[in-house]
Amino acid sequence: MSNTPMAANPLTRAVLEIDEYASGLGWDQPARLFALVDTTRLRAQEPALAAQLGLEDASATTGLTPIEQDEVPTDKALDEFLGTIAWPDAVVGCALTVERLMLPPSAESQVPEGLNEARLAQWVASHPERQEVRMTVAVLRDGSRDSAVRLREKDSPTEVLTGPELVPGLADALKATFED
């Protein structure tokens, strides 16, 4: 994950690092959940894990280290699954990468009324303007957030859109995993 560009802050760097990792796995992947831990604290408290992750050199890496968690269950709605998560104090944030179909804002007026979730998904999947996207969203305990969105048709590191408000609903759901 060393090709990640230097971003302005540690959260953005972590989001781009996760996006690069997910990109290396290819498309049509399941959702992936990551704990974000303070790299300096990880090195001090878990030196063996830091060494396993290639973080033993204190001058090489600071900021946040993403640690992939167990698989996200596919038999449960994502929001339902996120509602079951509780993080230990050592985790300062979390991130999720997920693939979805997206329509442009102009298609909102075309959505047929009264569709249940399954039929809406079918309608979106058959829409000629649909775009496949990979979204990586991260939040910290303090409420900071950032996201990266990559279109499948423009699958290039230089075409990744970043910003804190790109996927607000998912960011809110991730933030809720830190609330009591």
N, C-alpha and C. Protein backbone atom coordinates (compact mmCIF):
# COMPACT_ATOMS: atom_id res chain seq x y z
N MET A 1 0.82 -1.19 0.00
CA MET A 1 0.00 0.00 0.00
C MET A 1 0.86 1.24 0.00
N SER A 2 2.08 1.13 -0.46
CA SER A 2 3.02 2.23 -0.40
C SER A 2 2.82 3.27 -1.49
N ASN A 3 1.96 3.02 -2.45
CA ASN A 3 1.74 4.00 -3.51
C ASN A 3 0.70 5.04 -3.14
N THR A 4 0.18 5.00 -1.91
CA THR A 4 -0.82 5.95 -1.47
C THR A 4 -0.21 7.34 -1.47
N PRO A 5 -0.85 8.31 -2.14
CA PRO A 5 -0.31 9.66 -2.15
C PRO A 5 -0.36 10.28 -0.76
N MET A 6 0.56 11.20 -0.51
CA MET A 6 0.55 11.89 0.77
C MET A 6 -0.64 12.85 0.79
N ALA A 7 -1.55 12.62 1.70
CA ALA A 7 -2.73 13.45 1.83
C ALA A 7 -2.52 14.42 2.98
N ALA A 8 -3.43 15.36 3.09
CA ALA A 8 -3.31 16.44 4.05
C ALA A 8 -3.39 15.96 5.50
N ASN A 9 -4.16 14.93 5.78
CA ASN A 9 -4.31 14.51 7.17
C ASN A 9 -4.30 12.99 7.27
N PRO A 10 -4.08 12.47 8.47
CA PRO A 10 -3.98 11.01 8.64
C PRO A 10 -5.26 10.26 8.25
N LEU A 11 -6.42 10.84 8.47
CA LEU A 11 -7.66 10.15 8.12
C LEU A 11 -7.78 9.99 6.60
N THR A 12 -7.48 11.04 5.87
CA THR A 12 -7.52 10.96 4.41
C THR A 12 -6.49 9.95 3.90
N ARG A 13 -5.31 9.93 4.50
CA ARG A 13 -4.29 8.94 4.10
C ARG A 13 -4.80 7.53 4.35
N ALA A 14 -5.46 7.31 5.48
CA ALA A 14 -5.99 5.97 5.78
C ALA A 14 -7.06 5.57 4.78
N VAL A 15 -7.95 6.51 4.43
CA VAL A 15 -9.00 6.22 3.45
C VAL A 15 -8.39 5.86 2.11
N LEU A 16 -7.39 6.60 1.68
CA LEU A 16 -6.75 6.32 0.39
C LEU A 16 -5.96 5.01 0.43
N GLU A 17 -5.38 4.69 1.57
CA GLU A 17 -4.66 3.42 1.71
C GLU A 17 -5.64 2.25 1.60
N ILE A 18 -6.79 2.37 2.25
CA ILE A 18 -7.80 1.31 2.17
C ILE A 18 -8.35 1.21 0.75
N ASP A 19 -8.59 2.35 0.11
CA ASP A 19 -9.07 2.33 -1.28
C ASP A 19 -8.06 1.63 -2.18
N GLU A 20 -6.79 1.91 -2.00
CA GLU A 20 -5.75 1.27 -2.81
C GLU A 20 -5.73 -0.24 -2.55
N TYR A 21 -5.84 -0.63 -1.30
CA TYR A 21 -5.88 -2.05 -0.94
C TYR A 21 -7.08 -2.73 -1.62
N ALA A 22 -8.26 -2.13 -1.49
CA ALA A 22 -9.47 -2.70 -2.11
C ALA A 22 -9.33 -2.77 -3.62
N SER A 23 -8.72 -1.76 -4.20
CA SER A 23 -8.51 -1.75 -5.64
C SER A 23 -7.64 -2.92 -6.08
N GLY A 24 -6.64 -3.24 -5.29
CA GLY A 24 -5.76 -4.36 -5.60
C GLY A 24 -6.46 -5.71 -5.56
N LEU A 25 -7.58 -5.78 -4.85
CA LEU A 25 -8.35 -7.02 -4.78
C LEU A 25 -9.29 -7.19 -5.97
N GLY A 26 -9.49 -6.11 -6.72
CA GLY A 26 -10.40 -6.15 -7.86
C GLY A 26 -11.83 -5.81 -7.47
N TRP A 27 -12.70 -5.89 -8.44
CA TRP A 27 -14.11 -5.55 -8.24
C TRP A 27 -14.90 -6.79 -7.85
N ASP A 28 -16.17 -6.56 -7.54
CA ASP A 28 -17.10 -7.62 -7.15
C ASP A 28 -16.65 -8.29 -5.85
N GLN A 29 -16.21 -7.46 -4.92
CA GLN A 29 -15.75 -7.92 -3.61
C GLN A 29 -16.81 -7.64 -2.55
N PRO A 30 -16.79 -8.40 -1.46
CA PRO A 30 -17.72 -8.11 -0.37
C PRO A 30 -17.28 -6.84 0.38
N ALA A 31 -18.17 -6.32 1.20
CA ALA A 31 -17.82 -5.18 2.05
C ALA A 31 -16.69 -5.60 2.99
N ARG A 32 -15.85 -4.65 3.34
CA ARG A 32 -14.72 -4.91 4.24
C ARG A 32 -14.71 -3.84 5.32
N LEU A 33 -14.55 -4.28 6.56
CA LEU A 33 -14.55 -3.39 7.72
C LEU A 33 -13.14 -3.31 8.30
N PHE A 34 -12.74 -2.11 8.70
CA PHE A 34 -11.40 -1.88 9.24
C PHE A 34 -11.50 -1.10 10.55
N ALA A 35 -10.69 -1.51 11.51
CA ALA A 35 -10.46 -0.70 12.71
C ALA A 35 -9.33 0.25 12.36
N LEU A 36 -9.40 1.47 12.85
CA LEU A 36 -8.31 2.43 12.67
C LEU A 36 -7.67 2.64 14.04
N VAL A 37 -6.37 2.40 14.11
CA VAL A 37 -5.65 2.57 15.37
C VAL A 37 -4.52 3.57 15.18
N ASP A 38 -4.17 4.24 16.26
CA ASP A 38 -3.06 5.19 16.25
C ASP A 38 -1.77 4.38 16.08
N THR A 39 -1.02 4.67 15.03
CA THR A 39 0.16 3.89 14.68
C THR A 39 1.22 3.95 15.77
N THR A 40 1.45 5.12 16.34
CA THR A 40 2.47 5.26 17.39
C THR A 40 2.07 4.43 18.61
N ARG A 41 0.81 4.49 18.98
CA ARG A 41 0.31 3.72 20.13
C ARG A 41 0.40 2.21 19.85
N LEU A 42 0.08 1.83 18.63
CA LEU A 42 0.17 0.42 18.23
C LEU A 42 1.61 -0.08 18.39
N ARG A 43 2.55 0.73 17.90
CA ARG A 43 3.96 0.34 17.99
C ARG A 43 4.39 0.15 19.45
N ALA A 44 3.92 1.04 20.33
CA ALA A 44 4.32 0.99 21.74
C ALA A 44 3.63 -0.15 22.49
N GLN A 45 2.35 -0.37 22.22
CA GLN A 45 1.58 -1.34 23.00
C GLN A 45 1.57 -2.75 22.41
N GLU A 46 1.75 -2.86 21.11
CA GLU A 46 1.70 -4.17 20.44
C GLU A 46 2.87 -4.28 19.45
N PRO A 47 4.10 -4.30 19.94
CA PRO A 47 5.25 -4.31 19.03
C PRO A 47 5.27 -5.50 18.07
N ALA A 48 4.81 -6.66 18.53
CA ALA A 48 4.81 -7.83 17.64
C ALA A 48 3.83 -7.63 16.48
N LEU A 49 2.65 -7.11 16.78
CA LEU A 49 1.68 -6.84 15.72
C LEU A 49 2.19 -5.75 14.79
N ALA A 50 2.80 -4.70 15.36
CA ALA A 50 3.37 -3.64 14.53
C ALA A 50 4.44 -4.19 13.59
N ALA A 51 5.26 -5.10 14.09
CA ALA A 51 6.28 -5.71 13.24
C ALA A 51 5.64 -6.56 12.15
N GLN A 52 4.59 -7.30 12.51
CA GLN A 52 3.89 -8.13 11.53
C GLN A 52 3.29 -7.26 10.42
N LEU A 53 2.87 -6.04 10.78
CA LEU A 53 2.28 -5.13 9.80
C LEU A 53 3.32 -4.27 9.09
N GLY A 54 4.60 -4.48 9.43
CA GLY A 54 5.67 -3.71 8.79
C GLY A 54 5.78 -2.29 9.32
N LEU A 55 5.41 -2.09 10.58
CA LEU A 55 5.39 -0.75 11.16
C LEU A 55 6.44 -0.56 12.25
N GLU A 56 7.46 -1.41 12.27
CA GLU A 56 8.43 -1.31 13.36
C GLU A 56 9.31 -0.07 13.28
N ASP A 57 9.51 0.51 12.11
CA ASP A 57 10.32 1.71 11.95
C ASP A 57 9.49 2.94 12.27
N ALA A 58 9.77 3.58 13.41
CA ALA A 58 8.98 4.72 13.88
C ALA A 58 9.04 5.91 12.93
N SER A 59 10.10 6.03 12.16
CA SER A 59 10.20 7.17 11.25
C SER A 59 9.41 6.94 9.96
N ALA A 60 9.06 5.70 9.68
CA ALA A 60 8.42 5.37 8.41
C ALA A 60 6.94 5.69 8.39
N THR A 61 6.25 5.46 9.50
CA THR A 61 4.80 5.59 9.47
C THR A 61 4.29 6.23 10.75
N THR A 62 3.47 7.23 10.59
CA THR A 62 2.74 7.80 11.72
C THR A 62 1.30 7.94 11.27
N GLY A 63 0.46 8.31 12.16
CA GLY A 63 -0.94 8.51 11.77
C GLY A 63 -1.79 7.35 12.18
N LEU A 64 -2.58 6.84 11.25
CA LEU A 64 -3.55 5.78 11.52
C LEU A 64 -3.20 4.53 10.74
N THR A 65 -3.36 3.39 11.39
CA THR A 65 -3.15 2.11 10.74
C THR A 65 -4.49 1.40 10.61
N PRO A 66 -4.91 1.07 9.38
CA PRO A 66 -6.12 0.28 9.21
C PRO A 66 -5.84 -1.20 9.45
N ILE A 67 -6.71 -1.83 10.22
CA ILE A 67 -6.59 -3.27 10.48
C ILE A 67 -7.90 -3.92 10.07
N GLU A 68 -7.82 -4.75 9.04
CA GLU A 68 -9.04 -5.39 8.52
C GLU A 68 -9.62 -6.34 9.56
N GLN A 69 -10.93 -6.29 9.71
CA GLN A 69 -11.65 -7.12 10.66
C GLN A 69 -12.17 -8.37 9.96
N ASP A 70 -12.82 -9.23 10.73
CA ASP A 70 -13.43 -10.42 10.15
C ASP A 70 -14.41 -10.01 9.06
N GLU A 71 -14.78 -10.97 8.25
CA GLU A 71 -15.68 -10.70 7.13
C GLU A 71 -17.00 -10.09 7.60
N VAL A 72 -17.50 -9.17 6.79
CA VAL A 72 -18.82 -8.59 7.02
C VAL A 72 -19.83 -9.62 6.55
N PRO A 73 -20.79 -9.98 7.40
CA PRO A 73 -21.76 -11.01 6.98
C PRO A 73 -22.59 -10.55 5.79
N THR A 74 -22.83 -11.48 4.89
CA THR A 74 -23.62 -11.15 3.69
C THR A 74 -25.09 -11.48 3.88
N ASP A 75 -25.42 -12.17 4.97
CA ASP A 75 -26.81 -12.57 5.20
C ASP A 75 -27.57 -11.56 6.07
N LYS A 76 -26.96 -10.42 6.32
CA LYS A 76 -27.57 -9.41 7.18
C LYS A 76 -27.42 -8.05 6.51
N ALA A 77 -28.42 -7.20 6.62
CA ALA A 77 -28.34 -5.85 6.05
C ALA A 77 -27.16 -5.12 6.69
N LEU A 78 -26.46 -4.31 5.91
CA LEU A 78 -25.27 -3.62 6.39
C LEU A 78 -25.58 -2.76 7.61
N ASP A 79 -26.67 -1.99 7.58
CA ASP A 79 -26.99 -1.14 8.72
C ASP A 79 -27.31 -1.97 9.96
N GLU A 80 -27.91 -3.11 9.77
CA GLU A 80 -28.21 -4.01 10.89
C GLU A 80 -26.90 -4.55 11.48
N PHE A 81 -25.98 -4.95 10.62
CA PHE A 81 -24.68 -5.44 11.08
C PHE A 81 -23.93 -4.35 11.83
N LEU A 82 -23.88 -3.15 11.28
CA LEU A 82 -23.14 -2.06 11.94
C LEU A 82 -23.71 -1.77 13.32
N GLY A 83 -25.00 -1.98 13.50
CA GLY A 83 -25.62 -1.77 14.80
C GLY A 83 -25.17 -2.75 15.87
N THR A 84 -24.47 -3.80 15.47
CA THR A 84 -24.00 -4.81 16.43
C THR A 84 -22.55 -4.60 16.85
N ILE A 85 -21.90 -3.60 16.30
CA ILE A 85 -20.46 -3.42 16.53
C ILE A 85 -20.21 -2.55 17.76
N ALA A 86 -19.24 -2.96 18.55
CA ALA A 86 -18.72 -2.15 19.65
C ALA A 86 -17.20 -2.23 19.56
N TRP A 87 -16.54 -1.09 19.65
CA TRP A 87 -15.10 -1.04 19.49
C TRP A 87 -14.41 -0.88 20.84
N PRO A 88 -13.25 -1.53 21.02
CA PRO A 88 -12.47 -1.29 22.25
C PRO A 88 -11.85 0.12 22.21
N ASP A 89 -11.41 0.59 23.37
CA ASP A 89 -10.86 1.95 23.47
C ASP A 89 -9.65 2.18 22.57
N ALA A 90 -8.88 1.14 22.28
CA ALA A 90 -7.68 1.30 21.45
C ALA A 90 -8.02 1.67 20.01
N VAL A 91 -9.25 1.44 19.60
CA VAL A 91 -9.67 1.77 18.23
C VAL A 91 -10.14 3.22 18.21
N VAL A 92 -9.44 4.05 17.43
CA VAL A 92 -9.76 5.48 17.38
C VAL A 92 -10.74 5.82 16.26
N GLY A 93 -10.94 4.86 15.35
CA GLY A 93 -11.86 5.09 14.24
C GLY A 93 -12.12 3.78 13.52
N CYS A 94 -12.97 3.87 12.51
CA CYS A 94 -13.24 2.67 11.71
C CYS A 94 -13.52 3.10 10.28
N ALA A 95 -13.44 2.14 9.39
CA ALA A 95 -13.68 2.41 7.97
C ALA A 95 -14.36 1.20 7.36
N LEU A 96 -15.09 1.47 6.30
CA LEU A 96 -15.78 0.42 5.57
C LEU A 96 -15.61 0.70 4.10
N THR A 97 -15.34 -0.35 3.35
CA THR A 97 -15.34 -0.22 1.90
C THR A 97 -16.43 -1.14 1.37
N VAL A 98 -17.23 -0.60 0.46
CA VAL A 98 -18.38 -1.33 -0.04
C VAL A 98 -18.63 -0.92 -1.49
N GLU A 99 -19.09 -1.86 -2.30
CA GLU A 99 -19.43 -1.58 -3.69
C GLU A 99 -20.94 -1.44 -3.82
N ARG A 100 -21.37 -0.48 -4.63
CA ARG A 100 -22.79 -0.25 -4.84
C ARG A 100 -23.03 0.24 -6.26
N LEU A 101 -24.29 0.16 -6.67
CA LEU A 101 -24.71 0.78 -7.92
C LEU A 101 -25.24 2.17 -7.57
N MET A 102 -24.94 3.13 -8.40
CA MET A 102 -25.33 4.50 -8.15
C MET A 102 -25.93 5.08 -9.42
N LEU A 103 -26.91 5.94 -9.23
CA LEU A 103 -27.50 6.65 -10.35
C LEU A 103 -27.19 8.13 -10.24
N PRO A 104 -27.15 8.83 -11.37
CA PRO A 104 -26.94 10.28 -11.30
C PRO A 104 -28.17 10.96 -10.70
N PRO A 105 -28.02 12.14 -10.14
CA PRO A 105 -29.16 12.86 -9.56
C PRO A 105 -30.33 13.04 -10.53
N SER A 106 -30.03 13.13 -11.82
CA SER A 106 -31.09 13.31 -12.82
C SER A 106 -32.05 12.13 -12.88
N ALA A 107 -31.64 10.97 -12.38
CA ALA A 107 -32.50 9.78 -12.43
C ALA A 107 -33.50 9.72 -11.27
N GLU A 108 -33.32 10.59 -10.28
CA GLU A 108 -34.23 10.57 -9.13
C GLU A 108 -35.69 10.73 -9.53
N SER A 109 -35.94 11.57 -10.49
CA SER A 109 -37.33 11.82 -10.90
C SER A 109 -37.92 10.63 -11.67
N GLN A 110 -37.09 9.70 -12.08
CA GLN A 110 -37.55 8.54 -12.85
C GLN A 110 -37.91 7.33 -11.98
N VAL A 111 -37.57 7.37 -10.70
CA VAL A 111 -37.78 6.21 -9.83
C VAL A 111 -39.28 5.96 -9.67
N PRO A 112 -39.74 4.77 -10.03
CA PRO A 112 -41.16 4.45 -9.87
C PRO A 112 -41.54 4.44 -8.39
N GLU A 113 -42.73 4.90 -8.10
CA GLU A 113 -43.20 4.93 -6.71
C GLU A 113 -43.63 3.55 -6.24
N GLY A 114 -43.52 3.34 -4.94
CA GLY A 114 -44.04 2.13 -4.33
C GLY A 114 -43.19 0.89 -4.48
N LEU A 115 -41.93 1.03 -4.87
CA LEU A 115 -41.06 -0.15 -5.01
C LEU A 115 -40.51 -0.54 -3.64
N ASN A 116 -40.53 -1.85 -3.37
CA ASN A 116 -39.85 -2.30 -2.15
C ASN A 116 -38.35 -2.31 -2.43
N GLU A 117 -37.56 -2.64 -1.40
CA GLU A 117 -36.11 -2.57 -1.54
C GLU A 117 -35.57 -3.48 -2.65
N ALA A 118 -36.11 -4.68 -2.75
CA ALA A 118 -35.63 -5.63 -3.76
C ALA A 118 -35.96 -5.14 -5.17
N ARG A 119 -37.16 -4.65 -5.36
CA ARG A 119 -37.55 -4.15 -6.70
C ARG A 119 -36.79 -2.88 -7.06
N LEU A 120 -36.55 -2.02 -6.07
CA LEU A 120 -35.76 -0.82 -6.33
C LEU A 120 -34.35 -1.20 -6.77
N ALA A 121 -33.76 -2.19 -6.10
CA ALA A 121 -32.43 -2.66 -6.48
C ALA A 121 -32.42 -3.20 -7.91
N GLN A 122 -33.45 -3.93 -8.28
CA GLN A 122 -33.56 -4.45 -9.65
C GLN A 122 -33.68 -3.31 -10.64
N TRP A 123 -34.50 -2.31 -10.30
CA TRP A 123 -34.70 -1.17 -11.19
C TRP A 123 -33.38 -0.42 -11.40
N VAL A 124 -32.65 -0.18 -10.31
CA VAL A 124 -31.36 0.52 -10.42
C VAL A 124 -30.39 -0.32 -11.25
N ALA A 125 -30.33 -1.62 -11.01
CA ALA A 125 -29.40 -2.49 -11.73
C ALA A 125 -29.66 -2.51 -13.23
N SER A 126 -30.90 -2.27 -13.63
CA SER A 126 -31.22 -2.29 -15.06
C SER A 126 -31.22 -0.90 -15.69
N HIS A 127 -31.02 0.13 -14.90
CA HIS A 127 -31.05 1.50 -15.43
C HIS A 127 -29.83 1.75 -16.31
N PRO A 128 -30.01 2.34 -17.49
CA PRO A 128 -28.89 2.54 -18.41
C PRO A 128 -27.82 3.52 -17.91
N GLU A 129 -28.15 4.38 -16.94
CA GLU A 129 -27.18 5.36 -16.44
C GLU A 129 -26.50 4.92 -15.13
N ARG A 130 -26.72 3.68 -14.72
CA ARG A 130 -26.13 3.21 -13.46
C ARG A 130 -24.60 3.23 -13.56
N GLN A 131 -23.99 3.43 -12.42
CA GLN A 131 -22.54 3.39 -12.31
C GLN A 131 -22.18 2.46 -11.15
N GLU A 132 -21.19 1.62 -11.35
CA GLU A 132 -20.69 0.81 -10.24
C GLU A 132 -19.63 1.64 -9.53
N VAL A 133 -19.76 1.73 -8.21
CA VAL A 133 -18.81 2.51 -7.43
C VAL A 133 -18.31 1.70 -6.24
N ARG A 134 -17.10 2.01 -5.83
CA ARG A 134 -16.57 1.51 -4.56
C ARG A 134 -16.43 2.71 -3.66
N MET A 135 -17.05 2.62 -2.50
CA MET A 135 -16.99 3.71 -1.54
C MET A 135 -16.19 3.24 -0.33
N THR A 136 -15.25 4.06 0.08
CA THR A 136 -14.51 3.81 1.30
C THR A 136 -14.79 4.99 2.22
N VAL A 137 -15.37 4.70 3.35
CA VAL A 137 -15.78 5.75 4.29
C VAL A 137 -15.14 5.45 5.63
N ALA A 138 -14.59 6.50 6.26
CA ALA A 138 -13.95 6.35 7.57
C ALA A 138 -14.41 7.45 8.50
N VAL A 139 -14.51 7.10 9.77
CA VAL A 139 -14.85 8.08 10.81
C VAL A 139 -13.94 7.86 12.01
N LEU A 140 -13.74 8.92 12.76
CA LEU A 140 -13.01 8.83 14.02
C LEU A 140 -13.98 9.04 15.17
N ARG A 141 -13.58 8.64 16.35
CA ARG A 141 -14.42 8.83 17.54
C ARG A 141 -14.85 10.28 17.72
N ASP A 142 -13.97 11.21 17.35
CA ASP A 142 -14.28 12.64 17.55
C ASP A 142 -15.25 13.19 16.50
N GLY A 143 -15.70 12.35 15.58
CA GLY A 143 -16.66 12.78 14.57
C GLY A 143 -16.03 13.15 13.23
N SER A 144 -14.71 13.22 13.16
CA SER A 144 -14.05 13.49 11.87
C SER A 144 -14.41 12.37 10.91
N ARG A 145 -14.51 12.73 9.64
CA ARG A 145 -14.87 11.73 8.62
C ARG A 145 -14.21 12.07 7.31
N ASP A 146 -14.05 11.04 6.50
CA ASP A 146 -13.55 11.23 5.14
C ASP A 146 -14.00 10.04 4.31
N SER A 147 -13.98 10.22 2.99
CA SER A 147 -14.45 9.19 2.07
C SER A 147 -13.65 9.24 0.78
N ALA A 148 -13.67 8.10 0.11
CA ALA A 148 -13.13 8.00 -1.25
C ALA A 148 -14.15 7.24 -2.09
N VAL A 149 -14.39 7.74 -3.28
CA VAL A 149 -15.33 7.08 -4.19
C VAL A 149 -14.60 6.84 -5.51
N ARG A 150 -14.68 5.59 -5.98
CA ARG A 150 -14.02 5.19 -7.23
C ARG A 150 -15.06 4.57 -8.14
N LEU A 151 -15.17 5.08 -9.35
CA LEU A 151 -16.06 4.50 -10.36
C LEU A 151 -15.35 3.33 -11.04
N ARG A 152 -16.12 2.29 -11.27
CA ARG A 152 -15.52 1.13 -11.95
C ARG A 152 -15.04 1.49 -13.35
N GLU A 153 -15.79 2.33 -14.04
CA GLU A 153 -15.40 2.67 -15.41
C GLU A 153 -14.19 3.60 -15.46
N LYS A 154 -13.83 4.20 -14.34
CA LYS A 154 -12.64 5.06 -14.26
C LYS A 154 -11.75 4.55 -13.14
N ASP A 155 -11.40 3.29 -13.19
CA ASP A 155 -10.68 2.62 -12.11
C ASP A 155 -9.20 2.97 -12.16
N SER A 156 -8.89 4.13 -11.61
CA SER A 156 -7.52 4.62 -11.60
C SER A 156 -7.31 5.44 -10.33
N PRO A 157 -6.14 5.34 -9.71
CA PRO A 157 -5.88 6.12 -8.49
C PRO A 157 -6.02 7.63 -8.70
N THR A 158 -5.82 8.08 -9.93
CA THR A 158 -5.95 9.52 -10.19
C THR A 158 -7.40 9.95 -10.38
N GLU A 159 -8.31 9.01 -10.42
CA GLU A 159 -9.73 9.31 -10.63
C GLU A 159 -10.56 9.12 -9.36
N VAL A 160 -9.92 8.95 -8.22
CA VAL A 160 -10.62 8.74 -6.96
C VAL A 160 -11.03 10.09 -6.38
N LEU A 161 -12.32 10.22 -6.11
CA LEU A 161 -12.87 11.44 -5.53
C LEU A 161 -12.83 11.30 -4.02
N THR A 162 -12.34 12.31 -3.31
CA THR A 162 -12.30 12.26 -1.85
C THR A 162 -13.01 13.46 -1.25
N GLY A 163 -13.50 13.29 -0.05
CA GLY A 163 -14.13 14.39 0.67
C GLY A 163 -14.91 13.87 1.86
N PRO A 164 -15.11 14.71 2.86
CA PRO A 164 -15.77 14.27 4.08
C PRO A 164 -17.28 14.05 3.96
N GLU A 165 -17.92 14.61 2.97
CA GLU A 165 -19.38 14.53 2.87
C GLU A 165 -19.88 13.79 1.64
N LEU A 166 -19.06 12.92 1.07
CA LEU A 166 -19.47 12.19 -0.14
C LEU A 166 -20.52 11.12 0.14
N VAL A 167 -20.43 10.48 1.30
CA VAL A 167 -21.34 9.39 1.65
C VAL A 167 -21.81 9.61 3.09
N PRO A 168 -22.60 10.65 3.32
CA PRO A 168 -22.94 11.03 4.70
C PRO A 168 -23.72 9.97 5.48
N GLY A 169 -24.62 9.26 4.84
CA GLY A 169 -25.40 8.25 5.54
C GLY A 169 -24.53 7.13 6.08
N LEU A 170 -23.59 6.66 5.28
CA LEU A 170 -22.69 5.60 5.72
C LEU A 170 -21.75 6.12 6.81
N ALA A 171 -21.29 7.35 6.67
CA ALA A 171 -20.44 7.93 7.72
C ALA A 171 -21.20 8.03 9.04
N ASP A 172 -22.46 8.42 8.98
CA ASP A 172 -23.27 8.49 10.20
C ASP A 172 -23.43 7.11 10.82
N ALA A 173 -23.66 6.09 10.00
CA ALA A 173 -23.81 4.72 10.51
C ALA A 173 -22.52 4.22 11.16
N LEU A 174 -21.37 4.55 10.56
CA LEU A 174 -20.10 4.16 11.16
C LEU A 174 -19.86 4.91 12.46
N LYS A 175 -20.18 6.18 12.50
CA LYS A 175 -20.02 6.98 13.73
C LYS A 175 -20.85 6.40 14.85
N ALA A 176 -22.02 5.89 14.52
CA ALA A 176 -22.91 5.30 15.54
C ALA A 176 -22.29 4.08 16.20
N THR A 177 -21.32 3.44 15.56
CA THR A 177 -20.68 2.26 16.18
C THR A 177 -19.83 2.65 17.39
N PHE A 178 -19.56 3.94 17.57
CA PHE A 178 -18.78 4.41 18.71
C PHE A 178 -19.66 4.97 19.83
N GLU A 179 -20.96 5.02 19.59
CA GLU A 179 -21.87 5.56 20.60
C GLU A 179 -22.34 4.46 21.53
N ASP A 180 -22.60 4.85 22.77
CA ASP A 180 -23.08 3.86 23.76
C ASP A 180 -24.50 3.46 23.52
